[in-house]
Amino acid sequence: MAQFQVNLNENLQVDDQIDAKLIAELENEKYDWRTLVGLMRDTGLTLGALREKLLSLGRRGIVVQATDPRTGEEVFTTREYYNKKRSLWDKLLTGLTGSIQF
């Protein structure tokens, strides 16, 4: 029983570290939005693991998703980073076009 508890805590720490790494990459100052390919490269996560993490963080209200109008590609950032980086006009425009999912 004690061994299970130790393993469970270690797994929670690993998940928290992965979440922290992913959030840091989503808020990388070099980018406004991040693609799946870029996030896979910079986090080392597989596509399946990355999608799972993004979905989990999205359900918790941390990650937002949009579609790049130039490429049709899914792009991601954090809600906090989006609110910090985008102008009021950009926020209104994306809200009107429905191109961002919170």
N, C-alpha and C. Protein backbone atom coordinates (compact mmCIF):
# COMPACT_ATOMS: atom_id res chain seq x y z
N MET A 1 0.82 -1.20 0.00
CA MET A 1 0.00 0.00 0.00
C MET A 1 0.86 1.25 0.00
N ALA A 2 1.88 1.31 0.84
CA ALA A 2 2.75 2.49 0.88
C ALA A 2 3.49 2.67 -0.44
N GLN A 3 3.92 1.55 -1.05
CA GLN A 3 4.62 1.61 -2.34
C GLN A 3 3.72 2.24 -3.40
N PHE A 4 2.45 1.85 -3.43
CA PHE A 4 1.50 2.39 -4.40
C PHE A 4 1.37 3.90 -4.22
N GLN A 5 1.30 4.34 -2.99
CA GLN A 5 1.16 5.77 -2.70
C GLN A 5 2.38 6.54 -3.20
N VAL A 6 3.58 6.00 -3.00
CA VAL A 6 4.80 6.66 -3.47
C VAL A 6 4.77 6.76 -4.99
N ASN A 7 4.42 5.66 -5.68
CA ASN A 7 4.36 5.68 -7.14
C ASN A 7 3.31 6.67 -7.63
N LEU A 8 2.17 6.73 -6.98
CA LEU A 8 1.12 7.65 -7.37
C LEU A 8 1.63 9.09 -7.26
N ASN A 9 2.29 9.42 -6.17
CA ASN A 9 2.82 10.77 -6.00
C ASN A 9 3.87 11.09 -7.04
N GLU A 10 4.73 10.11 -7.37
CA GLU A 10 5.75 10.34 -8.40
C GLU A 10 5.09 10.60 -9.74
N ASN A 11 4.03 9.87 -10.06
CA ASN A 11 3.32 10.08 -11.32
C ASN A 11 2.68 11.46 -11.37
N LEU A 12 2.12 11.90 -10.25
CA LEU A 12 1.53 13.23 -10.22
C LEU A 12 2.59 14.30 -10.43
N GLN A 13 3.77 14.13 -9.85
CA GLN A 13 4.84 15.08 -10.05
C GLN A 13 5.27 15.12 -11.51
N VAL A 14 5.39 13.94 -12.13
CA VAL A 14 5.78 13.89 -13.54
C VAL A 14 4.74 14.61 -14.39
N ASP A 15 3.45 14.35 -14.14
CA ASP A 15 2.41 15.03 -14.89
C ASP A 15 2.49 16.53 -14.70
N ASP A 16 2.73 16.98 -13.48
CA ASP A 16 2.84 18.41 -13.22
C ASP A 16 4.03 19.00 -13.97
N GLN A 17 5.14 18.27 -14.03
CA GLN A 17 6.31 18.74 -14.76
C GLN A 17 6.04 18.81 -16.25
N ILE A 18 5.34 17.82 -16.79
CA ILE A 18 4.99 17.83 -18.21
C ILE A 18 4.06 18.99 -18.50
N ASP A 19 3.04 19.19 -17.65
CA ASP A 19 2.13 20.32 -17.82
C ASP A 19 2.89 21.64 -17.78
N ALA A 20 3.81 21.77 -16.84
CA ALA A 20 4.58 23.01 -16.70
C ALA A 20 5.43 23.25 -17.94
N LYS A 21 6.07 22.21 -18.47
CA LYS A 21 6.88 22.32 -19.68
C LYS A 21 6.01 22.73 -20.86
N LEU A 22 4.85 22.09 -21.01
CA LEU A 22 3.95 22.41 -22.11
C LEU A 22 3.45 23.84 -22.02
N ILE A 23 3.06 24.27 -20.82
CA ILE A 23 2.59 25.64 -20.64
C ILE A 23 3.71 26.64 -20.95
N ALA A 24 4.92 26.33 -20.52
CA ALA A 24 6.05 27.22 -20.82
C ALA A 24 6.26 27.33 -22.32
N GLU A 25 6.12 26.23 -23.05
CA GLU A 25 6.28 26.28 -24.50
C GLU A 25 5.12 27.01 -25.18
N LEU A 26 3.92 26.87 -24.64
CA LEU A 26 2.77 27.59 -25.18
C LEU A 26 2.93 29.10 -24.99
N GLU A 27 3.65 29.49 -23.95
CA GLU A 27 3.85 30.91 -23.64
C GLU A 27 5.22 31.42 -24.07
N ASN A 28 5.89 30.68 -24.95
CA ASN A 28 7.20 31.08 -25.48
C ASN A 28 7.06 32.42 -26.18
N GLU A 29 7.84 33.39 -25.77
CA GLU A 29 7.75 34.76 -26.29
C GLU A 29 8.01 34.86 -27.79
N LYS A 30 8.63 33.85 -28.39
CA LYS A 30 8.91 33.88 -29.83
C LYS A 30 7.65 33.69 -30.68
N TYR A 31 6.58 33.21 -30.07
CA TYR A 31 5.37 32.86 -30.82
C TYR A 31 4.13 33.47 -30.19
N ASP A 32 3.15 33.79 -31.03
CA ASP A 32 1.82 34.15 -30.53
C ASP A 32 0.99 32.88 -30.34
N TRP A 33 1.10 31.96 -31.30
CA TRP A 33 0.38 30.69 -31.28
C TRP A 33 1.37 29.58 -31.57
N ARG A 34 1.09 28.37 -31.07
CA ARG A 34 1.97 27.23 -31.29
C ARG A 34 1.24 26.13 -32.07
N THR A 35 1.94 25.52 -33.01
CA THR A 35 1.39 24.40 -33.77
C THR A 35 1.71 23.09 -33.05
N LEU A 36 1.00 22.05 -33.45
CA LEU A 36 1.27 20.72 -32.89
C LEU A 36 2.70 20.29 -33.20
N VAL A 37 3.15 20.51 -34.42
CA VAL A 37 4.50 20.11 -34.82
C VAL A 37 5.55 20.83 -33.96
N GLY A 38 5.39 22.13 -33.78
CA GLY A 38 6.33 22.90 -32.96
C GLY A 38 6.32 22.46 -31.51
N LEU A 39 5.14 22.20 -30.98
CA LEU A 39 5.04 21.74 -29.58
C LEU A 39 5.63 20.36 -29.40
N MET A 40 5.42 19.48 -30.39
CA MET A 40 6.02 18.14 -30.30
C MET A 40 7.54 18.27 -30.29
N ARG A 41 8.07 19.10 -31.16
CA ARG A 41 9.52 19.29 -31.24
C ARG A 41 10.08 19.83 -29.92
N ASP A 42 9.42 20.84 -29.37
CA ASP A 42 9.97 21.54 -28.21
C ASP A 42 9.68 20.88 -26.87
N THR A 43 8.66 20.02 -26.81
CA THR A 43 8.35 19.32 -25.56
C THR A 43 8.85 17.88 -25.54
N GLY A 44 9.05 17.31 -26.72
CA GLY A 44 9.45 15.91 -26.80
C GLY A 44 8.28 14.95 -26.65
N LEU A 45 7.06 15.47 -26.61
CA LEU A 45 5.88 14.61 -26.48
C LEU A 45 5.49 14.04 -27.83
N THR A 46 4.91 12.84 -27.82
CA THR A 46 4.35 12.27 -29.04
C THR A 46 3.07 13.02 -29.37
N LEU A 47 2.58 12.86 -30.60
CA LEU A 47 1.35 13.52 -30.99
C LEU A 47 0.18 13.12 -30.09
N GLY A 48 0.06 11.84 -29.80
CA GLY A 48 -1.03 11.37 -28.94
C GLY A 48 -0.96 11.94 -27.53
N ALA A 49 0.24 11.93 -26.95
CA ALA A 49 0.41 12.47 -25.60
C ALA A 49 0.17 13.97 -25.58
N LEU A 50 0.62 14.66 -26.63
CA LEU A 50 0.43 16.11 -26.70
C LEU A 50 -1.05 16.45 -26.81
N ARG A 51 -1.76 15.76 -27.69
CA ARG A 51 -3.21 16.02 -27.83
C ARG A 51 -3.94 15.77 -26.51
N GLU A 52 -3.56 14.70 -25.82
CA GLU A 52 -4.18 14.37 -24.53
C GLU A 52 -3.94 15.50 -23.52
N LYS A 53 -2.69 15.99 -23.47
CA LYS A 53 -2.35 17.07 -22.53
C LYS A 53 -3.09 18.36 -22.89
N LEU A 54 -3.13 18.69 -24.17
CA LEU A 54 -3.82 19.91 -24.60
C LEU A 54 -5.31 19.83 -24.29
N LEU A 55 -5.90 18.67 -24.48
CA LEU A 55 -7.32 18.47 -24.17
C LEU A 55 -7.56 18.63 -22.68
N SER A 56 -6.69 18.03 -21.87
CA SER A 56 -6.82 18.13 -20.42
C SER A 56 -6.68 19.58 -19.95
N LEU A 57 -5.68 20.27 -20.47
CA LEU A 57 -5.47 21.67 -20.09
C LEU A 57 -6.60 22.56 -20.62
N GLY A 58 -7.15 22.21 -21.76
CA GLY A 58 -8.29 22.95 -22.31
C GLY A 58 -9.52 22.80 -21.44
N ARG A 59 -9.77 21.58 -20.97
CA ARG A 59 -10.92 21.34 -20.08
C ARG A 59 -10.80 22.13 -18.78
N ARG A 60 -9.56 22.37 -18.36
CA ARG A 60 -9.32 23.13 -17.13
C ARG A 60 -9.30 24.63 -17.39
N GLY A 61 -9.54 25.04 -18.64
CA GLY A 61 -9.60 26.46 -18.98
C GLY A 61 -8.24 27.12 -19.13
N ILE A 62 -7.20 26.33 -19.29
CA ILE A 62 -5.85 26.88 -19.37
C ILE A 62 -5.44 27.13 -20.81
N VAL A 63 -5.81 26.22 -21.71
CA VAL A 63 -5.38 26.30 -23.12
C VAL A 63 -6.55 26.70 -24.00
N VAL A 64 -6.25 27.53 -25.00
CA VAL A 64 -7.22 27.88 -26.04
C VAL A 64 -6.68 27.39 -27.38
N GLN A 65 -7.60 27.13 -28.28
CA GLN A 65 -7.27 26.60 -29.60
C GLN A 65 -7.91 27.49 -30.65
N ALA A 66 -7.21 27.66 -31.77
CA ALA A 66 -7.75 28.40 -32.90
C ALA A 66 -7.31 27.71 -34.17
N THR A 67 -7.81 28.21 -35.28
CA THR A 67 -7.39 27.72 -36.59
C THR A 67 -6.66 28.85 -37.29
N ASP A 68 -5.46 28.57 -37.76
CA ASP A 68 -4.68 29.56 -38.51
C ASP A 68 -5.38 29.77 -39.85
N PRO A 69 -5.87 30.98 -40.13
CA PRO A 69 -6.63 31.20 -41.36
C PRO A 69 -5.78 31.03 -42.63
N ARG A 70 -4.48 31.17 -42.50
CA ARG A 70 -3.60 31.02 -43.67
C ARG A 70 -3.38 29.56 -44.04
N THR A 71 -3.27 28.69 -43.04
CA THR A 71 -2.90 27.30 -43.29
C THR A 71 -4.00 26.30 -42.96
N GLY A 72 -4.99 26.73 -42.18
CA GLY A 72 -6.03 25.82 -41.72
C GLY A 72 -5.57 24.91 -40.59
N GLU A 73 -4.36 25.17 -40.10
CA GLU A 73 -3.75 24.35 -39.06
C GLU A 73 -4.28 24.74 -37.67
N GLU A 74 -4.42 23.72 -36.80
CA GLU A 74 -4.78 23.99 -35.40
C GLU A 74 -3.59 24.68 -34.73
N VAL A 75 -3.87 25.71 -33.96
CA VAL A 75 -2.83 26.40 -33.19
C VAL A 75 -3.32 26.58 -31.76
N PHE A 76 -2.38 26.69 -30.82
CA PHE A 76 -2.71 26.69 -29.40
C PHE A 76 -1.90 27.75 -28.66
N THR A 77 -2.46 28.21 -27.56
CA THR A 77 -1.75 29.05 -26.61
C THR A 77 -2.50 28.93 -25.28
N THR A 78 -2.01 29.61 -24.26
CA THR A 78 -2.76 29.61 -23.00
C THR A 78 -3.72 30.81 -23.00
N ARG A 79 -4.77 30.67 -22.26
CA ARG A 79 -5.74 31.77 -22.15
C ARG A 79 -5.06 33.02 -21.60
N GLU A 80 -4.22 32.85 -20.60
CA GLU A 80 -3.52 33.98 -19.98
C GLU A 80 -2.60 34.68 -20.99
N TYR A 81 -1.85 33.88 -21.74
CA TYR A 81 -0.92 34.43 -22.74
C TYR A 81 -1.69 35.14 -23.86
N TYR A 82 -2.79 34.54 -24.29
CA TYR A 82 -3.63 35.14 -25.32
C TYR A 82 -4.14 36.51 -24.85
N ASN A 83 -4.64 36.56 -23.63
CA ASN A 83 -5.17 37.83 -23.10
C ASN A 83 -4.07 38.88 -22.95
N LYS A 84 -2.86 38.45 -22.65
CA LYS A 84 -1.74 39.37 -22.48
C LYS A 84 -1.23 39.90 -23.82
N LYS A 85 -1.16 39.04 -24.82
CA LYS A 85 -0.53 39.38 -26.10
C LYS A 85 -1.45 40.05 -27.12
N ARG A 86 -2.71 39.75 -27.11
CA ARG A 86 -3.60 40.20 -28.17
C ARG A 86 -4.21 41.56 -27.84
N SER A 87 -4.36 42.37 -28.86
CA SER A 87 -5.00 43.67 -28.69
C SER A 87 -6.51 43.48 -28.57
N LEU A 88 -7.19 44.49 -28.11
CA LEU A 88 -8.65 44.44 -27.99
C LEU A 88 -9.27 44.17 -29.37
N TRP A 89 -8.74 44.80 -30.40
CA TRP A 89 -9.26 44.60 -31.76
C TRP A 89 -9.13 43.13 -32.18
N ASP A 90 -7.95 42.54 -31.95
CA ASP A 90 -7.75 41.13 -32.30
C ASP A 90 -8.72 40.23 -31.55
N LYS A 91 -8.94 40.51 -30.28
CA LYS A 91 -9.86 39.70 -29.48
C LYS A 91 -11.29 39.81 -30.03
N LEU A 92 -11.70 41.03 -30.38
CA LEU A 92 -13.04 41.21 -30.94
C LEU A 92 -13.17 40.50 -32.28
N LEU A 93 -12.16 40.62 -33.12
CA LEU A 93 -12.19 40.00 -34.44
C LEU A 93 -12.26 38.49 -34.35
N THR A 94 -11.45 37.88 -33.51
CA THR A 94 -11.49 36.42 -33.39
C THR A 94 -12.79 35.98 -32.72
N GLY A 95 -13.31 36.79 -31.83
CA GLY A 95 -14.59 36.46 -31.21
C GLY A 95 -15.74 36.51 -32.21
N LEU A 96 -15.71 37.49 -33.11
CA LEU A 96 -16.76 37.62 -34.11
C LEU A 96 -16.68 36.51 -35.16
N THR A 97 -15.51 36.10 -35.52
CA THR A 97 -15.37 35.07 -36.55
C THR A 97 -15.51 33.67 -35.97
N GLY A 98 -15.48 33.56 -34.66
CA GLY A 98 -15.62 32.26 -34.02
C GLY A 98 -14.44 31.35 -34.27
N SER A 99 -13.28 31.94 -34.51
CA SER A 99 -12.12 31.12 -34.86
C SER A 99 -11.30 30.69 -33.65
N ILE A 100 -11.73 31.04 -32.47
CA ILE A 100 -11.02 30.63 -31.27
C ILE A 100 -11.95 29.84 -30.36
N GLN A 101 -11.43 28.79 -29.78
CA GLN A 101 -12.23 27.96 -28.87
C GLN A 101 -11.67 28.06 -27.46
N PHE A 102 -12.52 28.47 -26.54
CA PHE A 102 -12.09 28.57 -25.15
C PHE A 102 -12.57 27.35 -24.39
